[in-house]
Amino acid sequence: MRYQLLVTHMVHEKLTPGSLRALVRLLTAVEDFSLAQGRDPYTRELLGVLRSWGYGESILLLAWDLGLVERYDDYCNERSRRVCRFNRLSERGREFLRHYGELLKLLS
């Protein structure tokens, strides 16, 4: 219990206006990739789409800590034995994007 409170406190300390915009960009990229390709992006693909490796990975881990993204391991493709870590929006992530869109409508 004490560890969970510490982790929650640390996650909220990382939320800044800049990281909030980066979270929205990351979640939108995951959603757009999934719709365009018909599958979830693996981490290398996602970071390539974002064109941000170090900061992009830290934002991805923040989104995972907040429960906005689900991560799972699977084969990269049918012909390969290489295992990749795939990323998909969780229900909470979809809800976050929906509320963010509604907020932007209210502000405009």
N, C-alpha and C. Protein backbone atom coordinates (compact mmCIF):
# COMPACT_ATOMS: atom_id res chain seq x y z
N MET A 1 0.83 -1.20 0.00
CA MET A 1 0.00 0.00 0.00
C MET A 1 0.87 1.26 0.00
N ARG A 2 1.86 1.27 0.88
CA ARG A 2 2.74 2.44 0.95
C ARG A 2 3.48 2.64 -0.36
N TYR A 3 3.95 1.53 -0.99
CA TYR A 3 4.65 1.61 -2.27
C TYR A 3 3.73 2.18 -3.34
N GLN A 4 2.47 1.76 -3.35
CA GLN A 4 1.52 2.25 -4.35
C GLN A 4 1.33 3.76 -4.21
N LEU A 5 1.23 4.26 -2.98
CA LEU A 5 1.09 5.70 -2.77
C LEU A 5 2.32 6.44 -3.26
N LEU A 6 3.49 5.88 -3.03
CA LEU A 6 4.73 6.50 -3.48
C LEU A 6 4.78 6.57 -5.00
N VAL A 7 4.43 5.47 -5.67
CA VAL A 7 4.44 5.45 -7.13
C VAL A 7 3.41 6.43 -7.67
N THR A 8 2.21 6.47 -7.11
CA THR A 8 1.18 7.40 -7.56
C THR A 8 1.65 8.83 -7.40
N HIS A 9 2.29 9.13 -6.28
CA HIS A 9 2.80 10.49 -6.05
C HIS A 9 3.87 10.83 -7.08
N MET A 10 4.75 9.89 -7.39
CA MET A 10 5.81 10.14 -8.36
C MET A 10 5.24 10.35 -9.75
N VAL A 11 4.21 9.60 -10.14
CA VAL A 11 3.60 9.75 -11.46
C VAL A 11 2.98 11.13 -11.60
N HIS A 12 2.26 11.58 -10.57
CA HIS A 12 1.61 12.88 -10.66
C HIS A 12 2.62 14.02 -10.67
N GLU A 13 3.78 13.82 -10.07
CA GLU A 13 4.82 14.84 -10.14
C GLU A 13 5.33 15.01 -11.57
N LYS A 14 5.26 13.95 -12.38
CA LYS A 14 5.77 14.00 -13.74
C LYS A 14 4.80 14.68 -14.70
N LEU A 15 3.54 14.88 -14.29
CA LEU A 15 2.56 15.49 -15.18
C LEU A 15 2.74 17.00 -15.22
N THR A 16 3.17 17.49 -16.35
CA THR A 16 3.31 18.91 -16.60
C THR A 16 2.48 19.23 -17.83
N PRO A 17 2.23 20.51 -18.13
CA PRO A 17 1.49 20.82 -19.36
C PRO A 17 2.17 20.25 -20.61
N GLY A 18 3.50 20.26 -20.63
CA GLY A 18 4.22 19.70 -21.78
C GLY A 18 4.06 18.20 -21.88
N SER A 19 4.12 17.51 -20.74
CA SER A 19 3.97 16.06 -20.79
C SER A 19 2.52 15.67 -21.10
N LEU A 20 1.57 16.52 -20.72
CA LEU A 20 0.17 16.25 -21.06
C LEU A 20 -0.04 16.32 -22.57
N ARG A 21 0.55 17.32 -23.22
CA ARG A 21 0.48 17.41 -24.69
C ARG A 21 1.17 16.22 -25.34
N ALA A 22 2.30 15.81 -24.77
CA ALA A 22 3.02 14.65 -25.31
C ALA A 22 2.21 13.37 -25.13
N LEU A 23 1.50 13.24 -24.01
CA LEU A 23 0.63 12.08 -23.79
C LEU A 23 -0.47 12.02 -24.84
N VAL A 24 -1.08 13.16 -25.12
CA VAL A 24 -2.14 13.21 -26.13
C VAL A 24 -1.57 12.84 -27.49
N ARG A 25 -0.40 13.35 -27.81
CA ARG A 25 0.24 13.03 -29.09
C ARG A 25 0.54 11.54 -29.20
N LEU A 26 1.05 10.95 -28.13
CA LEU A 26 1.36 9.53 -28.12
C LEU A 26 0.10 8.69 -28.28
N LEU A 27 -0.93 9.00 -27.51
CA LEU A 27 -2.17 8.23 -27.58
C LEU A 27 -2.83 8.35 -28.95
N THR A 28 -2.78 9.54 -29.53
CA THR A 28 -3.32 9.74 -30.86
C THR A 28 -2.53 8.95 -31.89
N ALA A 29 -1.22 8.90 -31.73
CA ALA A 29 -0.37 8.13 -32.66
C ALA A 29 -0.69 6.64 -32.58
N VAL A 30 -0.89 6.12 -31.37
CA VAL A 30 -1.25 4.71 -31.22
C VAL A 30 -2.59 4.43 -31.90
N GLU A 31 -3.56 5.29 -31.67
CA GLU A 31 -4.89 5.12 -32.26
C GLU A 31 -4.84 5.22 -33.78
N ASP A 32 -4.14 6.22 -34.31
CA ASP A 32 -4.05 6.40 -35.76
C ASP A 32 -3.33 5.23 -36.43
N PHE A 33 -2.24 4.77 -35.83
CA PHE A 33 -1.49 3.64 -36.37
C PHE A 33 -2.38 2.39 -36.42
N SER A 34 -3.09 2.15 -35.33
CA SER A 34 -3.95 0.96 -35.26
C SER A 34 -5.04 1.00 -36.32
N LEU A 35 -5.62 2.17 -36.53
CA LEU A 35 -6.66 2.31 -37.55
C LEU A 35 -6.09 2.16 -38.96
N ALA A 36 -4.91 2.72 -39.21
CA ALA A 36 -4.32 2.68 -40.55
C ALA A 36 -3.75 1.30 -40.90
N GLN A 37 -3.09 0.65 -39.95
CA GLN A 37 -2.41 -0.61 -40.23
C GLN A 37 -3.22 -1.84 -39.89
N GLY A 38 -4.28 -1.68 -39.10
CA GLY A 38 -5.09 -2.81 -38.70
C GLY A 38 -4.46 -3.66 -37.61
N ARG A 39 -3.44 -3.16 -36.96
CA ARG A 39 -2.79 -3.85 -35.84
C ARG A 39 -2.17 -2.80 -34.93
N ASP A 40 -1.79 -3.23 -33.75
CA ASP A 40 -1.17 -2.33 -32.79
C ASP A 40 0.31 -2.12 -33.14
N PRO A 41 0.85 -0.93 -32.88
CA PRO A 41 2.27 -0.70 -33.15
C PRO A 41 3.15 -1.31 -32.06
N TYR A 42 4.30 -1.84 -32.47
CA TYR A 42 5.26 -2.22 -31.44
C TYR A 42 6.10 -1.00 -31.11
N THR A 43 6.82 -1.07 -30.03
CA THR A 43 7.45 0.13 -29.46
C THR A 43 8.37 0.84 -30.44
N ARG A 44 9.19 0.11 -31.17
CA ARG A 44 10.10 0.77 -32.14
C ARG A 44 9.32 1.53 -33.20
N GLU A 45 8.25 0.92 -33.71
CA GLU A 45 7.42 1.61 -34.71
C GLU A 45 6.80 2.87 -34.12
N LEU A 46 6.28 2.76 -32.92
CA LEU A 46 5.63 3.90 -32.29
C LEU A 46 6.60 5.05 -32.06
N LEU A 47 7.78 4.73 -31.56
CA LEU A 47 8.78 5.78 -31.32
C LEU A 47 9.26 6.37 -32.63
N GLY A 48 9.30 5.56 -33.70
CA GLY A 48 9.65 6.09 -35.02
C GLY A 48 8.59 7.03 -35.55
N VAL A 49 7.33 6.71 -35.34
CA VAL A 49 6.23 7.58 -35.76
C VAL A 49 6.30 8.90 -35.00
N LEU A 50 6.59 8.83 -33.72
CA LEU A 50 6.69 10.04 -32.89
C LEU A 50 7.97 10.83 -33.20
N ARG A 51 8.96 10.15 -33.79
CA ARG A 51 10.28 10.73 -34.04
C ARG A 51 10.91 11.26 -32.74
N SER A 52 10.73 10.46 -31.70
CA SER A 52 11.27 10.81 -30.39
C SER A 52 11.58 9.52 -29.65
N TRP A 53 12.86 9.25 -29.42
CA TRP A 53 13.23 7.97 -28.82
C TRP A 53 13.33 8.06 -27.31
N GLY A 54 14.16 8.93 -26.79
CA GLY A 54 14.35 8.99 -25.33
C GLY A 54 13.13 9.55 -24.62
N TYR A 55 12.70 10.75 -25.02
CA TYR A 55 11.54 11.37 -24.39
C TYR A 55 10.27 10.59 -24.71
N GLY A 56 10.18 10.08 -25.94
CA GLY A 56 9.02 9.29 -26.33
C GLY A 56 8.86 8.05 -25.48
N GLU A 57 9.97 7.41 -25.18
CA GLU A 57 9.90 6.22 -24.33
C GLU A 57 9.48 6.57 -22.91
N SER A 58 9.95 7.69 -22.39
CA SER A 58 9.55 8.08 -21.04
C SER A 58 8.07 8.43 -20.99
N ILE A 59 7.55 9.05 -22.04
CA ILE A 59 6.12 9.37 -22.10
C ILE A 59 5.31 8.08 -22.25
N LEU A 60 5.81 7.12 -23.03
CA LEU A 60 5.14 5.83 -23.18
C LEU A 60 5.05 5.12 -21.82
N LEU A 61 6.13 5.14 -21.07
CA LEU A 61 6.12 4.50 -19.74
C LEU A 61 5.21 5.25 -18.77
N LEU A 62 5.13 6.56 -18.89
CA LEU A 62 4.20 7.34 -18.08
C LEU A 62 2.76 6.96 -18.41
N ALA A 63 2.46 6.85 -19.72
CA ALA A 63 1.11 6.45 -20.14
C ALA A 63 0.78 5.05 -19.62
N TRP A 64 1.76 4.17 -19.62
CA TRP A 64 1.56 2.82 -19.11
C TRP A 64 1.32 2.85 -17.59
N ASP A 65 2.11 3.66 -16.87
CA ASP A 65 1.92 3.81 -15.42
C ASP A 65 0.54 4.35 -15.08
N LEU A 66 0.02 5.25 -15.91
CA LEU A 66 -1.29 5.85 -15.68
C LEU A 66 -2.43 4.95 -16.15
N GLY A 67 -2.10 3.85 -16.81
CA GLY A 67 -3.13 2.93 -17.27
C GLY A 67 -3.78 3.35 -18.58
N LEU A 68 -3.14 4.24 -19.33
CA LEU A 68 -3.70 4.71 -20.59
C LEU A 68 -3.33 3.81 -21.76
N VAL A 69 -2.25 3.04 -21.59
CA VAL A 69 -1.76 2.15 -22.64
C VAL A 69 -1.56 0.76 -22.05
N GLU A 70 -1.91 -0.25 -22.81
CA GLU A 70 -1.63 -1.63 -22.44
C GLU A 70 -0.47 -2.11 -23.31
N ARG A 71 0.44 -2.87 -22.70
CA ARG A 71 1.59 -3.39 -23.44
C ARG A 71 1.59 -4.90 -23.34
N TYR A 72 1.92 -5.56 -24.46
CA TYR A 72 1.96 -7.02 -24.48
C TYR A 72 3.02 -7.48 -25.47
N ASP A 73 3.53 -8.69 -25.27
CA ASP A 73 4.57 -9.26 -26.12
C ASP A 73 3.94 -10.24 -27.10
N ASP A 74 4.43 -10.19 -28.35
CA ASP A 74 3.97 -11.11 -29.39
C ASP A 74 5.03 -11.12 -30.48
N TYR A 75 4.92 -12.05 -31.42
CA TYR A 75 5.85 -12.08 -32.54
C TYR A 75 5.65 -10.84 -33.41
N CYS A 76 6.76 -10.30 -33.92
CA CYS A 76 6.68 -9.08 -34.73
C CYS A 76 5.87 -9.31 -36.00
N ASN A 77 6.08 -10.46 -36.65
CA ASN A 77 5.25 -10.86 -37.79
C ASN A 77 5.23 -12.38 -37.85
N GLU A 78 4.45 -12.91 -38.78
CA GLU A 78 4.27 -14.36 -38.85
C GLU A 78 5.55 -15.10 -39.19
N ARG A 79 6.42 -14.49 -39.99
CA ARG A 79 7.63 -15.16 -40.46
C ARG A 79 8.82 -15.03 -39.53
N SER A 80 8.71 -14.18 -38.54
CA SER A 80 9.84 -13.88 -37.67
C SER A 80 9.71 -14.59 -36.33
N ARG A 81 10.86 -14.91 -35.75
CA ARG A 81 10.87 -15.45 -34.39
C ARG A 81 11.13 -14.34 -33.37
N ARG A 82 11.34 -13.14 -33.87
CA ARG A 82 11.61 -12.02 -32.97
C ARG A 82 10.32 -11.62 -32.25
N VAL A 83 10.44 -11.39 -30.96
CA VAL A 83 9.30 -10.98 -30.15
C VAL A 83 9.39 -9.47 -29.91
N CYS A 84 8.28 -8.80 -30.14
CA CYS A 84 8.21 -7.35 -29.95
C CYS A 84 7.20 -7.03 -28.85
N ARG A 85 7.35 -5.88 -28.25
CA ARG A 85 6.39 -5.40 -27.26
C ARG A 85 5.43 -4.45 -27.96
N PHE A 86 4.17 -4.85 -28.05
CA PHE A 86 3.14 -4.07 -28.72
C PHE A 86 2.44 -3.16 -27.71
N ASN A 87 1.85 -2.08 -28.24
CA ASN A 87 1.18 -1.09 -27.40
C ASN A 87 -0.20 -0.83 -27.97
N ARG A 88 -1.19 -0.81 -27.10
CA ARG A 88 -2.55 -0.47 -27.54
C ARG A 88 -3.21 0.41 -26.49
N LEU A 89 -4.19 1.17 -26.93
CA LEU A 89 -4.93 2.02 -26.01
C LEU A 89 -5.78 1.16 -25.09
N SER A 90 -5.77 1.49 -23.83
CA SER A 90 -6.68 0.84 -22.89
C SER A 90 -8.01 1.58 -22.95
N GLU A 91 -8.98 1.04 -22.29
CA GLU A 91 -10.28 1.72 -22.23
C GLU A 91 -10.12 3.09 -21.56
N ARG A 92 -9.28 3.14 -20.56
CA ARG A 92 -9.02 4.41 -19.88
C ARG A 92 -8.35 5.42 -20.82
N GLY A 93 -7.46 4.94 -21.70
CA GLY A 93 -6.82 5.80 -22.69
C GLY A 93 -7.81 6.36 -23.70
N ARG A 94 -8.74 5.52 -24.16
CA ARG A 94 -9.78 5.99 -25.08
C ARG A 94 -10.66 7.04 -24.41
N GLU A 95 -10.99 6.79 -23.15
CA GLU A 95 -11.80 7.74 -22.39
C GLU A 95 -11.05 9.06 -22.21
N PHE A 96 -9.75 8.98 -21.93
CA PHE A 96 -8.92 10.18 -21.79
C PHE A 96 -8.94 11.01 -23.07
N LEU A 97 -8.76 10.36 -24.23
CA LEU A 97 -8.79 11.08 -25.51
C LEU A 97 -10.15 11.68 -25.78
N ARG A 98 -11.21 10.96 -25.45
CA ARG A 98 -12.56 11.47 -25.67
C ARG A 98 -12.80 12.72 -24.83
N HIS A 99 -12.41 12.68 -23.56
CA HIS A 99 -12.59 13.85 -22.69
C HIS A 99 -11.71 15.01 -23.12
N TYR A 100 -10.51 14.70 -23.58
CA TYR A 100 -9.62 15.76 -24.07
C TYR A 100 -10.24 16.46 -25.27
N GLY A 101 -10.82 15.68 -26.20
CA GLY A 101 -11.49 16.27 -27.35
C GLY A 101 -12.68 17.14 -26.95
N GLU A 102 -13.45 16.68 -25.98
CA GLU A 102 -14.59 17.46 -25.50
C GLU A 102 -14.12 18.76 -24.84
N LEU A 103 -13.03 18.69 -24.10
CA LEU A 103 -12.47 19.87 -23.47
C LEU A 103 -12.03 20.90 -24.52
N LEU A 104 -11.39 20.43 -25.57
CA LEU A 104 -10.96 21.35 -26.63
C LEU A 104 -12.17 21.99 -27.32
N LYS A 105 -13.25 21.25 -27.50
CA LYS A 105 -14.47 21.82 -28.09
C LYS A 105 -15.05 22.90 -27.20
N LEU A 106 -15.04 22.66 -25.89
CA LEU A 106 -15.56 23.66 -24.96
C LEU A 106 -14.72 24.95 -24.96
N LEU A 107 -13.42 24.79 -25.12
CA LEU A 107 -12.53 25.94 -25.07
C LEU A 107 -12.51 26.75 -26.37
N SER A 108 -12.97 26.15 -27.47
CA SER A 108 -12.92 26.89 -28.75
C SER A 108 -14.19 27.64 -29.02
